Amino acid sequence: MLFRAAINFIPYLAMWHVIKFVSGDDDIPKRDDIGKKRRKNELRVLARVGGEDDELPQDGDHAEQKPDQSSDEDEFYKAVKRQRTEKLLRKQRAPTGKPLEEEIEGDGKRKISYQMEKNRGLSRSRNKKLKNPRQKYRAKHQKKVAARKGQVRSMKKPSGSYGGEMSGINPNVSRSTRLRG
């Protein structure tokens, strides 16, 4: 039975190269090659710099390449370099803002700045509450006391004669500490 199925399948094996795989993406237009896109962009830049408009490829001639491509690239790089130098020259010519006005006293000497007067150098910024060491340790102590209240029961001072426990005595609760001996 299996042998008959294999014999019936042999003609399909002989025609495997004829069968073409068809996907749903065949109707979508394919993207241009990245080299073609780069070439189009370079030609656009050249046209803006001063190249001729007829160098731009039309919609139909994507595959056309000129034989003197290296000279076009040289012109492109020269044009880009020229644009950069012009931009740098424009930046150098332009004023960079107002000149700083120096404060001059009557005797002709400048005043020192706050930063120079304090002469602190590079110091980290600190919390305002922690700048005063006495206040810092006071806050630290209060924090530790509050934490200890949750761990240890505070002592009650006797007030008058003993009148028994106000809430009654619960025999199931032991609040004493065990002494090891």
N, C-alpha and C. Protein backbone atom coordinates (compact mmCIF):
# COMPACT_ATOMS: atom_id res chain seq x y z
N MET A 1 0.82 -1.19 0.00
CA MET A 1 0.00 0.00 0.00
C MET A 1 0.87 1.25 0.00
N LEU A 2 1.86 1.27 0.85
CA LEU A 2 2.77 2.40 0.92
C LEU A 2 3.59 2.52 -0.37
N PHE A 3 3.94 1.40 -0.93
CA PHE A 3 4.73 1.40 -2.16
C PHE A 3 3.96 2.04 -3.32
N ARG A 4 2.64 1.77 -3.42
CA ARG A 4 1.82 2.37 -4.48
C ARG A 4 1.75 3.89 -4.32
N ALA A 5 1.64 4.36 -3.09
CA ALA A 5 1.59 5.81 -2.86
C ALA A 5 2.90 6.46 -3.30
N ALA A 6 4.03 5.78 -3.07
CA ALA A 6 5.33 6.31 -3.48
C ALA A 6 5.45 6.33 -4.99
N ILE A 7 4.91 5.33 -5.67
CA ILE A 7 4.98 5.29 -7.14
C ILE A 7 4.12 6.40 -7.74
N ASN A 8 2.97 6.65 -7.16
CA ASN A 8 2.10 7.71 -7.65
C ASN A 8 2.72 9.10 -7.42
N PHE A 9 3.65 9.24 -6.47
CA PHE A 9 4.24 10.53 -6.12
C PHE A 9 5.45 10.86 -7.01
N ILE A 10 6.01 9.88 -7.70
CA ILE A 10 7.22 10.07 -8.51
C ILE A 10 7.04 11.14 -9.59
N PRO A 11 5.94 11.22 -10.32
CA PRO A 11 5.83 12.28 -11.33
C PRO A 11 5.90 13.68 -10.72
N TYR A 12 5.41 13.85 -9.50
CA TYR A 12 5.48 15.16 -8.86
C TYR A 12 6.92 15.52 -8.48
N LEU A 13 7.70 14.52 -8.10
CA LEU A 13 9.11 14.78 -7.79
C LEU A 13 9.88 15.21 -9.03
N ALA A 14 9.53 14.68 -10.18
CA ALA A 14 10.22 15.05 -11.41
C ALA A 14 9.88 16.49 -11.81
N MET A 15 8.73 16.98 -11.39
CA MET A 15 8.32 18.33 -11.79
C MET A 15 8.50 19.36 -10.67
N TRP A 16 9.33 19.07 -9.65
CA TRP A 16 9.44 19.97 -8.50
C TRP A 16 10.00 21.33 -8.89
N HIS A 17 10.86 21.37 -9.91
CA HIS A 17 11.45 22.65 -10.33
C HIS A 17 10.46 23.50 -11.11
N VAL A 18 9.38 22.91 -11.62
CA VAL A 18 8.39 23.65 -12.40
C VAL A 18 7.41 24.38 -11.46
N ILE A 19 7.12 23.77 -10.31
CA ILE A 19 6.15 24.36 -9.39
C ILE A 19 6.75 25.63 -8.80
N LYS A 20 6.00 26.72 -8.88
CA LYS A 20 6.48 28.01 -8.40
C LYS A 20 5.68 28.38 -7.15
N PHE A 21 6.39 28.86 -6.14
CA PHE A 21 5.75 29.30 -4.91
C PHE A 21 5.19 30.70 -5.11
N VAL A 22 3.92 30.90 -4.81
CA VAL A 22 3.28 32.19 -4.99
C VAL A 22 2.82 32.68 -3.63
N SER A 23 3.20 33.91 -3.30
CA SER A 23 2.77 34.46 -2.01
C SER A 23 1.84 35.63 -2.24
N GLY A 24 1.25 36.13 -1.17
CA GLY A 24 0.33 37.25 -1.27
C GLY A 24 1.04 38.58 -1.41
N ASP A 25 2.37 38.60 -1.26
CA ASP A 25 3.13 39.84 -1.34
C ASP A 25 3.59 40.19 -2.75
N ASP A 26 3.21 39.38 -3.74
CA ASP A 26 3.67 39.63 -5.10
C ASP A 26 3.10 40.91 -5.70
N ASP A 27 1.93 41.35 -5.24
CA ASP A 27 1.32 42.54 -5.82
C ASP A 27 1.87 43.83 -5.20
N ILE A 28 2.64 43.74 -4.11
CA ILE A 28 3.21 44.93 -3.47
C ILE A 28 4.45 45.36 -4.25
N PRO A 29 4.57 46.66 -4.56
CA PRO A 29 5.77 47.10 -5.30
C PRO A 29 7.01 46.94 -4.44
N LYS A 30 8.10 46.52 -5.06
CA LYS A 30 9.34 46.26 -4.34
C LYS A 30 10.09 47.55 -4.12
N ARG A 31 10.84 47.62 -3.01
CA ARG A 31 11.61 48.82 -2.70
C ARG A 31 12.83 48.91 -3.60
N ASP A 32 13.27 50.14 -3.81
CA ASP A 32 14.49 50.35 -4.60
C ASP A 32 15.69 49.83 -3.84
N ASP A 33 16.70 49.48 -4.58
CA ASP A 33 17.96 49.08 -3.98
C ASP A 33 18.54 50.29 -3.25
N ILE A 34 19.21 50.06 -2.12
CA ILE A 34 19.73 51.17 -1.33
C ILE A 34 20.76 51.98 -2.11
N GLY A 35 21.50 51.34 -3.00
CA GLY A 35 22.47 52.06 -3.83
C GLY A 35 21.78 53.04 -4.76
N LYS A 36 20.65 52.62 -5.31
CA LYS A 36 19.91 53.51 -6.20
C LYS A 36 19.36 54.70 -5.43
N LYS A 37 18.87 54.45 -4.20
CA LYS A 37 18.34 55.55 -3.39
C LYS A 37 19.44 56.54 -3.04
N ARG A 38 20.62 56.00 -2.69
CA ARG A 38 21.73 56.88 -2.34
C ARG A 38 22.13 57.72 -3.55
N ARG A 39 22.16 57.12 -4.71
CA ARG A 39 22.53 57.83 -5.93
C ARG A 39 21.53 58.95 -6.22
N LYS A 40 20.24 58.66 -6.06
CA LYS A 40 19.21 59.69 -6.28
C LYS A 40 19.42 60.86 -5.33
N ASN A 41 19.69 60.54 -4.05
CA ASN A 41 19.87 61.59 -3.05
C ASN A 41 21.10 62.44 -3.39
N GLU A 42 22.20 61.81 -3.78
CA GLU A 42 23.40 62.57 -4.14
C GLU A 42 23.13 63.50 -5.31
N LEU A 43 22.37 63.02 -6.27
CA LEU A 43 22.07 63.86 -7.43
C LEU A 43 21.17 65.03 -7.03
N ARG A 44 20.26 64.81 -6.09
CA ARG A 44 19.42 65.91 -5.61
C ARG A 44 20.26 66.98 -4.92
N VAL A 45 21.21 66.52 -4.09
CA VAL A 45 22.08 67.46 -3.39
C VAL A 45 22.93 68.24 -4.38
N LEU A 46 23.44 67.55 -5.38
CA LEU A 46 24.23 68.23 -6.42
C LEU A 46 23.39 69.26 -7.15
N ALA A 47 22.12 68.94 -7.38
CA ALA A 47 21.24 69.88 -8.07
C ALA A 47 21.03 71.13 -7.23
N ARG A 48 20.93 70.95 -5.91
CA ARG A 48 20.76 72.11 -5.02
C ARG A 48 22.03 72.95 -4.97
N VAL A 49 23.19 72.29 -4.98
CA VAL A 49 24.46 72.99 -4.88
C VAL A 49 24.76 73.79 -6.14
N GLY A 50 24.41 73.25 -7.25
CA GLY A 50 24.68 73.98 -8.48
C GLY A 50 24.78 73.06 -9.68
N GLY A 51 24.45 71.79 -9.48
CA GLY A 51 24.46 70.86 -10.60
C GLY A 51 23.29 71.13 -11.51
N GLU A 52 23.22 70.42 -12.60
CA GLU A 52 22.14 70.63 -13.56
C GLU A 52 20.95 69.75 -13.21
N ASP A 53 19.74 70.23 -13.54
CA ASP A 53 18.53 69.49 -13.22
C ASP A 53 18.35 68.25 -14.08
N ASP A 54 18.99 68.22 -15.25
CA ASP A 54 18.80 67.06 -16.12
C ASP A 54 19.57 65.85 -15.60
N GLU A 55 20.42 66.01 -14.56
CA GLU A 55 21.12 64.87 -13.99
C GLU A 55 20.18 64.02 -13.13
N LEU A 56 19.09 64.59 -12.66
CA LEU A 56 18.16 63.85 -11.82
C LEU A 56 17.50 62.73 -12.62
N PRO A 57 17.45 61.52 -12.10
CA PRO A 57 16.81 60.44 -12.83
C PRO A 57 15.30 60.61 -12.85
N GLN A 58 14.72 60.28 -13.96
CA GLN A 58 13.26 60.32 -14.08
C GLN A 58 12.70 59.03 -13.49
N ASP A 59 11.37 58.94 -13.42
CA ASP A 59 10.74 57.77 -12.80
C ASP A 59 11.06 56.49 -13.55
N GLY A 60 11.22 56.56 -14.85
CA GLY A 60 11.42 55.37 -15.66
C GLY A 60 12.85 54.87 -15.69
N ASP A 61 13.87 55.73 -15.54
CA ASP A 61 15.24 55.28 -15.71
C ASP A 61 15.92 55.09 -14.35
N HIS A 62 15.51 54.03 -13.65
CA HIS A 62 16.15 53.71 -12.38
C HIS A 62 17.46 52.97 -12.62
N ALA A 63 17.51 52.16 -13.62
CA ALA A 63 18.65 51.28 -13.82
C ALA A 63 19.81 51.95 -14.54
N GLU A 64 19.62 53.16 -15.07
CA GLU A 64 20.70 53.80 -15.81
C GLU A 64 21.79 54.29 -14.87
N GLN A 65 23.03 53.98 -15.19
CA GLN A 65 24.18 54.47 -14.44
C GLN A 65 25.15 55.07 -15.45
N LYS A 66 25.70 56.24 -15.10
CA LYS A 66 26.66 56.88 -16.00
C LYS A 66 28.02 56.25 -15.81
N PRO A 67 28.83 56.16 -16.86
CA PRO A 67 30.14 55.54 -16.73
C PRO A 67 31.11 56.39 -15.91
N ASP A 68 30.93 57.72 -15.89
CA ASP A 68 31.85 58.58 -15.15
C ASP A 68 31.29 58.85 -13.74
N GLN A 69 30.96 57.78 -13.04
CA GLN A 69 30.35 57.90 -11.72
C GLN A 69 31.36 58.42 -10.70
N SER A 70 32.62 58.06 -10.81
CA SER A 70 33.62 58.49 -9.83
C SER A 70 33.82 60.00 -9.89
N SER A 71 33.74 60.60 -11.08
CA SER A 71 33.91 62.05 -11.17
C SER A 71 32.70 62.76 -10.54
N ASP A 72 31.49 62.16 -10.69
CA ASP A 72 30.31 62.73 -10.06
C ASP A 72 30.44 62.69 -8.54
N GLU A 73 30.98 61.59 -8.02
CA GLU A 73 31.18 61.47 -6.58
C GLU A 73 32.19 62.50 -6.09
N ASP A 74 33.27 62.70 -6.85
CA ASP A 74 34.27 63.70 -6.46
C ASP A 74 33.64 65.09 -6.39
N GLU A 75 32.82 65.41 -7.39
CA GLU A 75 32.15 66.71 -7.39
C GLU A 75 31.21 66.84 -6.19
N PHE A 76 30.53 65.76 -5.89
CA PHE A 76 29.61 65.77 -4.76
C PHE A 76 30.35 66.07 -3.46
N TYR A 77 31.46 65.34 -3.23
CA TYR A 77 32.21 65.54 -1.99
C TYR A 77 32.84 66.93 -1.93
N LYS A 78 33.28 67.44 -3.07
CA LYS A 78 33.83 68.80 -3.10
C LYS A 78 32.76 69.82 -2.75
N ALA A 79 31.55 69.63 -3.28
CA ALA A 79 30.45 70.56 -3.01
C ALA A 79 30.08 70.53 -1.53
N VAL A 80 30.04 69.35 -0.94
CA VAL A 80 29.70 69.24 0.48
C VAL A 80 30.77 69.90 1.33
N LYS A 81 32.04 69.70 0.96
CA LYS A 81 33.15 70.32 1.71
C LYS A 81 33.07 71.84 1.60
N ARG A 82 32.73 72.34 0.42
CA ARG A 82 32.62 73.79 0.22
C ARG A 82 31.48 74.35 1.09
N GLN A 83 30.36 73.64 1.14
CA GLN A 83 29.24 74.08 1.98
C GLN A 83 29.65 74.16 3.45
N ARG A 84 30.41 73.17 3.88
CA ARG A 84 30.83 73.14 5.28
C ARG A 84 31.76 74.31 5.60
N THR A 85 32.70 74.59 4.73
CA THR A 85 33.63 75.70 4.98
C THR A 85 32.87 77.04 4.99
N GLU A 86 31.90 77.18 4.08
CA GLU A 86 31.11 78.41 4.08
C GLU A 86 30.33 78.57 5.38
N LYS A 87 29.80 77.49 5.89
CA LYS A 87 29.04 77.53 7.14
C LYS A 87 29.95 77.93 8.30
N LEU A 88 31.16 77.36 8.34
CA LEU A 88 32.10 77.70 9.41
C LEU A 88 32.51 79.17 9.33
N LEU A 89 32.71 79.68 8.11
CA LEU A 89 33.08 81.10 7.95
C LEU A 89 31.95 82.00 8.43
N ARG A 90 30.70 81.63 8.12
CA ARG A 90 29.57 82.43 8.57
C ARG A 90 29.49 82.46 10.10
N LYS A 91 29.78 81.33 10.75
CA LYS A 91 29.75 81.28 12.20
C LYS A 91 30.84 82.15 12.81
N GLN A 92 32.01 82.16 12.18
CA GLN A 92 33.11 82.96 12.71
C GLN A 92 32.83 84.45 12.58
N ARG A 93 32.19 84.84 11.52
CA ARG A 93 31.91 86.27 11.29
C ARG A 93 30.83 86.79 12.23
N ALA A 94 29.86 85.96 12.57
CA ALA A 94 28.73 86.40 13.39
C ALA A 94 29.20 86.65 14.83
N PRO A 95 28.70 87.72 15.47
CA PRO A 95 29.06 87.97 16.87
C PRO A 95 28.43 86.90 17.77
N THR A 96 29.14 86.51 18.80
CA THR A 96 28.68 85.43 19.68
C THR A 96 27.98 85.96 20.92
N GLY A 97 27.25 87.04 20.83
CA GLY A 97 26.53 87.59 21.97
C GLY A 97 27.20 88.84 22.49
N LYS A 98 26.71 89.35 23.60
CA LYS A 98 27.25 90.57 24.17
C LYS A 98 28.56 90.28 24.90
N PRO A 99 29.52 91.19 24.83
CA PRO A 99 30.73 91.00 25.63
C PRO A 99 30.40 91.22 27.11
N LEU A 100 31.06 90.49 27.99
CA LEU A 100 30.77 90.59 29.41
C LEU A 100 31.23 91.94 29.94
N GLU A 101 30.34 92.57 30.69
CA GLU A 101 30.69 93.86 31.28
C GLU A 101 31.34 93.62 32.63
N GLU A 102 32.50 94.15 32.83
CA GLU A 102 33.21 93.96 34.07
C GLU A 102 32.84 95.07 35.04
N GLU A 103 32.60 94.66 36.29
CA GLU A 103 32.27 95.64 37.31
C GLU A 103 33.57 96.27 37.78
N ILE A 104 33.67 97.56 37.65
CA ILE A 104 34.90 98.25 38.01
C ILE A 104 34.60 99.22 39.15
N GLU A 105 35.41 99.11 40.20
CA GLU A 105 35.26 100.03 41.32
C GLU A 105 35.96 101.34 40.99
N GLY A 106 35.98 102.24 41.95
CA GLY A 106 36.60 103.53 41.74
C GLY A 106 38.11 103.45 41.52
N ASP A 107 38.77 102.46 42.16
CA ASP A 107 40.21 102.38 42.00
C ASP A 107 40.62 101.53 40.80
N GLY A 108 39.66 101.06 40.02
CA GLY A 108 39.96 100.33 38.79
C GLY A 108 40.09 98.84 38.96
N LYS A 109 39.90 98.28 40.16
CA LYS A 109 39.99 96.83 40.35
C LYS A 109 38.60 96.20 40.27
N ARG A 110 38.56 95.00 39.77
CA ARG A 110 37.29 94.30 39.69
C ARG A 110 36.95 93.67 41.03
N LYS A 111 35.65 93.54 41.31
CA LYS A 111 35.21 92.87 42.52
C LYS A 111 35.34 91.36 42.32
N ILE A 112 35.59 90.66 43.41
CA ILE A 112 35.63 89.19 43.30
C ILE A 112 34.20 88.67 43.37
N SER A 113 34.00 87.50 42.79
CA SER A 113 32.66 86.92 42.77
C SER A 113 32.40 86.17 44.08
N TYR A 114 31.14 85.83 44.30
CA TYR A 114 30.73 85.07 45.48
C TYR A 114 31.47 83.74 45.52
N GLN A 115 31.59 83.12 44.33
CA GLN A 115 32.24 81.81 44.24
C GLN A 115 33.71 81.91 44.66
N MET A 116 34.37 83.00 44.25
CA MET A 116 35.77 83.19 44.63
C MET A 116 35.88 83.49 46.13
N GLU A 117 34.95 84.24 46.67
CA GLU A 117 34.99 84.62 48.08
C GLU A 117 34.82 83.39 48.98
N LYS A 118 33.87 82.52 48.66
CA LYS A 118 33.63 81.34 49.47
C LYS A 118 34.71 80.30 49.29
N ASN A 119 35.26 80.18 48.11
CA ASN A 119 36.37 79.27 47.80
C ASN A 119 36.09 77.85 48.28
N ARG A 120 34.92 77.33 47.93
CA ARG A 120 34.53 76.00 48.37
C ARG A 120 34.99 74.91 47.41
N GLY A 121 35.35 75.28 46.20
CA GLY A 121 35.77 74.27 45.24
C GLY A 121 34.61 73.41 44.80
N LEU A 122 34.88 72.14 44.58
CA LEU A 122 33.82 71.22 44.18
C LEU A 122 33.31 70.51 45.43
N SER A 123 32.16 70.93 45.93
CA SER A 123 31.56 70.27 47.09
C SER A 123 30.15 69.84 46.72
N ARG A 124 29.75 68.72 47.27
CA ARG A 124 28.43 68.19 46.93
C ARG A 124 27.34 69.03 47.58
N SER A 125 26.17 69.01 47.00
CA SER A 125 25.05 69.75 47.58
C SER A 125 24.49 68.96 48.75
N ARG A 126 24.10 69.65 49.82
CA ARG A 126 23.61 68.98 51.01
C ARG A 126 22.19 69.41 51.32
N ASN A 127 21.50 68.54 52.08
CA ASN A 127 20.15 68.84 52.54
C ASN A 127 20.22 69.99 53.54
N LYS A 128 19.28 70.90 53.47
CA LYS A 128 19.30 72.09 54.33
C LYS A 128 19.22 71.70 55.81
N LYS A 129 18.44 70.68 56.14
CA LYS A 129 18.28 70.26 57.52
C LYS A 129 19.55 69.65 58.09
N LEU A 130 20.37 69.09 57.23
CA LEU A 130 21.57 68.38 57.69
C LEU A 130 22.83 69.23 57.64
N LYS A 131 22.70 70.50 57.29
CA LYS A 131 23.89 71.36 57.23
C LYS A 131 24.44 71.65 58.62
N ASN A 132 23.54 71.81 59.60
CA ASN A 132 23.96 72.08 60.97
C ASN A 132 24.18 70.74 61.67
N PRO A 133 25.41 70.43 62.14
CA PRO A 133 25.67 69.11 62.71
C PRO A 133 24.84 68.84 63.96
N ARG A 134 24.60 69.85 64.80
CA ARG A 134 23.81 69.64 66.01
C ARG A 134 22.39 69.22 65.65
N GLN A 135 21.80 69.93 64.68
CA GLN A 135 20.45 69.59 64.23
C GLN A 135 20.41 68.20 63.58
N LYS A 136 21.48 67.87 62.88
CA LYS A 136 21.54 66.57 62.20
C LYS A 136 21.47 65.44 63.22
N TYR A 137 22.32 65.53 64.28
CA TYR A 137 22.35 64.46 65.28
C TYR A 137 21.09 64.46 66.14
N ARG A 138 20.46 65.61 66.32
CA ARG A 138 19.21 65.67 67.07
C ARG A 138 18.12 64.90 66.31
N ALA A 139 18.02 65.15 65.00
CA ALA A 139 17.03 64.45 64.18
C ALA A 139 17.33 62.95 64.13
N LYS A 140 18.61 62.60 64.08
CA LYS A 140 19.01 61.20 64.02
C LYS A 140 18.60 60.48 65.32
N HIS A 141 18.81 61.16 66.46
CA HIS A 141 18.44 60.58 67.75
C HIS A 141 16.93 60.39 67.86
N GLN A 142 16.16 61.40 67.44
CA GLN A 142 14.70 61.29 67.51
C GLN A 142 14.20 60.13 66.66
N LYS A 143 14.83 59.92 65.54
CA LYS A 143 14.43 58.82 64.65
C LYS A 143 14.71 57.47 65.32
N LYS A 144 15.87 57.35 65.98
CA LYS A 144 16.22 56.10 66.66
C LYS A 144 15.30 55.84 67.86
N VAL A 145 14.94 56.90 68.59
CA VAL A 145 14.04 56.75 69.74
C VAL A 145 12.68 56.25 69.27
N ALA A 146 12.19 56.82 68.16
CA ALA A 146 10.89 56.38 67.63
C ALA A 146 10.95 54.93 67.18
N ALA A 147 12.08 54.50 66.62
CA ALA A 147 12.21 53.11 66.19
C ALA A 147 12.26 52.18 67.40
N ARG A 148 12.90 52.62 68.48
CA ARG A 148 13.00 51.78 69.69
C ARG A 148 11.65 51.61 70.38
N LYS A 149 10.78 52.59 70.28
CA LYS A 149 9.46 52.49 70.91
C LYS A 149 8.67 51.32 70.36
N GLY A 150 8.91 50.94 69.12
CA GLY A 150 8.22 49.80 68.55
C GLY A 150 8.79 48.48 69.02
N GLN A 151 10.02 48.48 69.54
CA GLN A 151 10.67 47.24 69.97
C GLN A 151 10.53 46.98 71.47
N VAL A 152 10.63 48.05 72.26
CA VAL A 152 10.66 47.89 73.72
C VAL A 152 9.52 48.70 74.33
N ARG A 153 8.87 48.10 75.36
CA ARG A 153 7.80 48.81 76.06
C ARG A 153 8.39 49.83 77.00
N SER A 154 7.78 51.00 77.04
CA SER A 154 8.28 52.04 77.94
C SER A 154 7.83 51.77 79.37
N MET A 155 8.61 52.25 80.32
CA MET A 155 8.29 52.06 81.74
C MET A 155 7.17 53.01 82.15
N LYS A 156 6.25 52.50 82.94
CA LYS A 156 5.18 53.35 83.46
C LYS A 156 5.55 53.78 84.88
N LYS A 157 5.37 55.03 85.16
CA LYS A 157 5.65 55.52 86.50
C LYS A 157 4.37 55.34 87.34
N PRO A 158 4.54 54.88 88.54
CA PRO A 158 3.34 54.71 89.38
C PRO A 158 2.73 56.04 89.76
N SER A 159 1.43 56.12 89.70
CA SER A 159 0.73 57.34 90.08
C SER A 159 -0.24 57.01 91.21
N GLY A 160 0.16 57.32 92.41
CA GLY A 160 -0.70 57.02 93.55
C GLY A 160 -0.59 55.57 93.97
N SER A 161 -1.57 55.13 94.74
CA SER A 161 -1.55 53.75 95.21
C SER A 161 -2.05 52.81 94.11
N TYR A 162 -1.65 51.56 94.24
CA TYR A 162 -2.01 50.58 93.20
C TYR A 162 -3.49 50.30 93.24
N GLY A 163 -4.14 50.45 92.08
CA GLY A 163 -5.58 50.24 92.01
C GLY A 163 -5.94 49.06 91.13
N GLY A 164 -5.00 48.17 90.85
CA GLY A 164 -5.25 47.03 89.99
C GLY A 164 -5.07 47.40 88.52
N GLU A 165 -5.16 46.41 87.70
CA GLU A 165 -5.02 46.67 86.26
C GLU A 165 -6.32 47.25 85.74
N MET A 166 -6.23 48.30 84.97
CA MET A 166 -7.42 49.01 84.48
C MET A 166 -8.20 48.17 83.47
N SER A 167 -7.50 47.45 82.64
CA SER A 167 -8.18 46.68 81.59
C SER A 167 -8.37 45.23 81.98
N GLY A 168 -8.00 44.89 83.18
CA GLY A 168 -8.12 43.50 83.61
C GLY A 168 -6.84 42.74 83.34
N ILE A 169 -6.76 41.51 83.80
CA ILE A 169 -5.57 40.69 83.63
C ILE A 169 -5.88 39.58 82.65
N ASN A 170 -5.09 39.46 81.61
CA ASN A 170 -5.25 38.40 80.63
C ASN A 170 -4.21 37.34 80.96
N PRO A 171 -4.62 36.14 81.37
CA PRO A 171 -3.63 35.12 81.77
C PRO A 171 -2.88 34.52 80.58
N ASN A 172 -3.33 34.77 79.35
CA ASN A 172 -2.68 34.18 78.18
C ASN A 172 -1.55 35.05 77.61
N VAL A 173 -1.35 36.26 78.14
CA VAL A 173 -0.34 37.16 77.60
C VAL A 173 0.79 37.29 78.60
N SER A 174 2.02 37.11 78.12
CA SER A 174 3.19 37.28 78.97
C SER A 174 4.09 38.33 78.33
N ARG A 175 4.36 39.41 79.05
CA ARG A 175 5.18 40.49 78.49
C ARG A 175 6.53 40.61 79.20
N SER A 176 6.87 39.63 79.95
CA SER A 176 8.13 39.69 80.67
C SER A 176 9.27 39.21 79.78
N THR A 177 10.49 39.55 80.16
CA THR A 177 11.66 39.07 79.43
C THR A 177 12.25 37.91 80.21
N ARG A 178 12.69 36.87 79.54
CA ARG A 178 13.24 35.69 80.19
C ARG A 178 14.71 35.94 80.55
N LEU A 179 15.05 35.58 81.74
CA LEU A 179 16.44 35.72 82.20
C LEU A 179 17.12 34.39 82.06
N ARG A 180 18.26 34.40 81.47
CA ARG A 180 19.01 33.14 81.32
C ARG A 180 19.96 33.02 82.50
N GLY A 181 20.01 31.86 83.04
CA GLY A 181 20.83 31.77 84.23
C GLY A 181 21.53 30.49 84.44
